[in-house]
C-alpha atoms as a PDB file:
ATOM      1  CA  MET A   1      52.491 -15.789 -67.456  1.00  0.00           C
ATOM      2  CA  SER A   2      50.142 -18.515 -68.690  1.00  0.00           C
ATOM      3  CA  ALA A   3      49.874 -19.835 -65.117  1.00  0.00           C
ATOM      4  CA  ILE A   4      47.988 -16.672 -64.122  1.00  0.00           C
ATOM      5  CA  LYS A   5      45.104 -17.272 -66.542  1.00  0.00           C
ATOM      6  CA  GLY A   6      41.850 -17.769 -64.651  1.00  0.00           C
ATOM      7  CA  LYS A   7      43.309 -16.833 -61.272  1.00  0.00           C
ATOM      8  CA  VAL A   8      41.775 -14.154 -59.047  1.00  0.00           C
ATOM      9  CA  VAL A   9      44.284 -11.484 -58.019  1.00  0.00           C
ATOM     10  CA  VAL A  10      43.568  -8.739 -55.471  1.00  0.00           C
ATOM     11  CA  ILE A  11      45.590  -5.582 -56.108  1.00  0.00           C
ATOM     12  CA  THR A  12      45.716  -2.736 -53.617  1.00  0.00           C
ATOM     13  CA  GLY A  13      46.803   0.749 -54.623  1.00  0.00           C
ATOM     14  CA  ALA A  14      45.480   0.033 -58.097  1.00  0.00           C
ATOM     15  CA  SER A  15      44.339   3.551 -58.972  1.00  0.00           C
ATOM     16  CA  SER A  16      47.761   4.580 -60.308  1.00  0.00           C
ATOM     17  CA  GLY A  17      51.421   3.719 -60.688  1.00  0.00           C
ATOM     18  CA  ILE A  18      52.655   0.188 -60.092  1.00  0.00           C
ATOM     19  CA  GLY A  19      49.246  -1.043 -58.904  1.00  0.00           C
ATOM     20  CA  GLU A  20      47.522   0.161 -62.065  1.00  0.00           C
ATOM     21  CA  ALA A  21      50.246  -1.258 -64.313  1.00  0.00           C
ATOM     22  CA  THR A  22      50.089  -4.587 -62.495  1.00  0.00           C
ATOM     23  CA  ALA A  23      46.317  -4.773 -62.876  1.00  0.00           C
ATOM     24  CA  ARG A  24      46.529  -4.051 -66.593  1.00  0.00           C
ATOM     25  CA  LEU A  25      49.311  -6.591 -67.147  1.00  0.00           C
ATOM     26  CA  LEU A  26      47.699  -9.422 -65.182  1.00  0.00           C
ATOM     27  CA  ALA A  27      44.293  -8.810 -66.757  1.00  0.00           C
ATOM     28  CA  SER A  28      45.880  -8.895 -70.214  1.00  0.00           C
ATOM     29  CA  HIS A  29      47.228 -12.355 -69.350  1.00  0.00           C
ATOM     30  CA  GLY A  30      43.824 -13.661 -68.319  1.00  0.00           C
ATOM     31  CA  ALA A  31      43.671 -13.030 -64.573  1.00  0.00           C
ATOM     32  CA  HIS A  32      40.472 -11.747 -62.991  1.00  0.00           C
ATOM     33  CA  VAL A  33      41.681  -8.656 -61.142  1.00  0.00           C
ATOM     34  CA  VAL A  34      40.028  -7.275 -58.046  1.00  0.00           C
ATOM     35  CA  ILE A  35      41.278  -3.714 -57.765  1.00  0.00           C
ATOM     36  CA  GLY A  36      41.135  -1.538 -54.699  1.00  0.00           C
ATOM     37  CA  ALA A  37      42.261   1.967 -53.758  1.00  0.00           C
ATOM     38  CA  ARG A  38      40.904   5.115 -52.158  1.00  0.00           C
ATOM     39  CA  ARG A  39      40.228   6.969 -55.422  1.00  0.00           C
ATOM     40  CA  LEU A  40      37.027   5.339 -56.622  1.00  0.00           C
ATOM     41  CA  GLU A  41      36.717   7.351 -59.832  1.00  0.00           C
ATOM     42  CA  ARG A  42      40.153   6.171 -60.986  1.00  0.00           C
ATOM     43  CA  LEU A  43      39.288   2.563 -60.137  1.00  0.00           C
ATOM     44  CA  GLU A  44      36.092   2.818 -62.174  1.00  0.00           C
ATOM     45  CA  ALA A  45      38.046   4.174 -65.141  1.00  0.00           C
ATOM     46  CA  LEU A  46      40.655   1.423 -64.841  1.00  0.00           C
ATOM     47  CA  ALA A  47      38.047  -1.344 -64.604  1.00  0.00           C
ATOM     48  CA  SER A  48      36.311   0.085 -67.681  1.00  0.00           C
ATOM     49  CA  ALA A  49      39.590   0.194 -69.591  1.00  0.00           C
ATOM     50  CA  ILE A  50      40.397  -3.401 -68.647  1.00  0.00           C
ATOM     51  CA  HIS A  51      36.930  -4.524 -69.795  1.00  0.00           C
ATOM     52  CA  ALA A  52      37.335  -2.593 -73.064  1.00  0.00           C
ATOM     53  CA  GLU A  53      40.580  -4.500 -73.664  1.00  0.00           C
ATOM     54  CA  GLY A  54      38.798  -7.823 -73.111  1.00  0.00           C
ATOM     55  CA  GLY A  55      39.928  -8.357 -69.525  1.00  0.00           C
ATOM     56  CA  SER A  56      38.060  -9.086 -66.325  1.00  0.00           C
ATOM     57  CA  ALA A  57      38.069  -6.645 -63.416  1.00  0.00           C
ATOM     58  CA  VAL A  58      35.945  -5.532 -60.511  1.00  0.00           C
ATOM     59  CA  HIS A  59      36.684  -2.668 -58.179  1.00  0.00           C
ATOM     60  CA  GLN A  60      36.008  -1.623 -54.624  1.00  0.00           C
ATOM     61  CA  ARG A  61      37.007   1.447 -52.638  1.00  0.00           C
ATOM     62  CA  LEU A  62      39.742   0.403 -50.244  1.00  0.00           C
ATOM     63  CA  ASP A  63      41.776   2.047 -47.508  1.00  0.00           C
ATOM     64  CA  VAL A  64      44.336  -0.533 -46.363  1.00  0.00           C
ATOM     65  CA  THR A  65      44.595   1.143 -42.957  1.00  0.00           C
ATOM     66  CA  GLU A  66      41.037  -0.057 -42.286  1.00  0.00           C
ATOM     67  CA  MET A  67      41.189  -3.804 -41.571  1.00  0.00           C
ATOM     68  CA  ASP A  68      37.450  -4.284 -42.160  1.00  0.00           C
ATOM     69  CA  GLN A  69      37.851  -2.928 -45.703  1.00  0.00           C
ATOM     70  CA  VAL A  70      40.801  -5.242 -46.360  1.00  0.00           C
ATOM     71  CA  GLN A  71      38.810  -8.221 -45.109  1.00  0.00           C
ATOM     72  CA  SER A  72      35.823  -7.134 -47.192  1.00  0.00           C
ATOM     73  CA  ILE A  73      37.705  -6.987 -50.493  1.00  0.00           C
ATOM     74  CA  ILE A  74      39.165 -10.442 -49.880  1.00  0.00           C
ATOM     75  CA  GLU A  75      35.846 -12.015 -48.904  1.00  0.00           C
ATOM     76  CA  TRP A  76      33.865 -10.206 -51.592  1.00  0.00           C
ATOM     77  CA  HIS A  77      35.553 -12.142 -54.370  1.00  0.00           C
END
């Protein structure tokens, strides 16, 4: 996993389940995670937890059925 250090990774569906676990794992290995999902309050909590553990994360509300939101999260970071 050392190859992931310093990379930017966009994760959709990050507010729970596999997306959340992936964000936590990649951040713990040094990736800067950009997390998106519809449940903003859960994203905020996850980003705070990642920061508290020394990781790097930013979040944005995201509905993947809305192409403009998908484009926005990719361009934003």
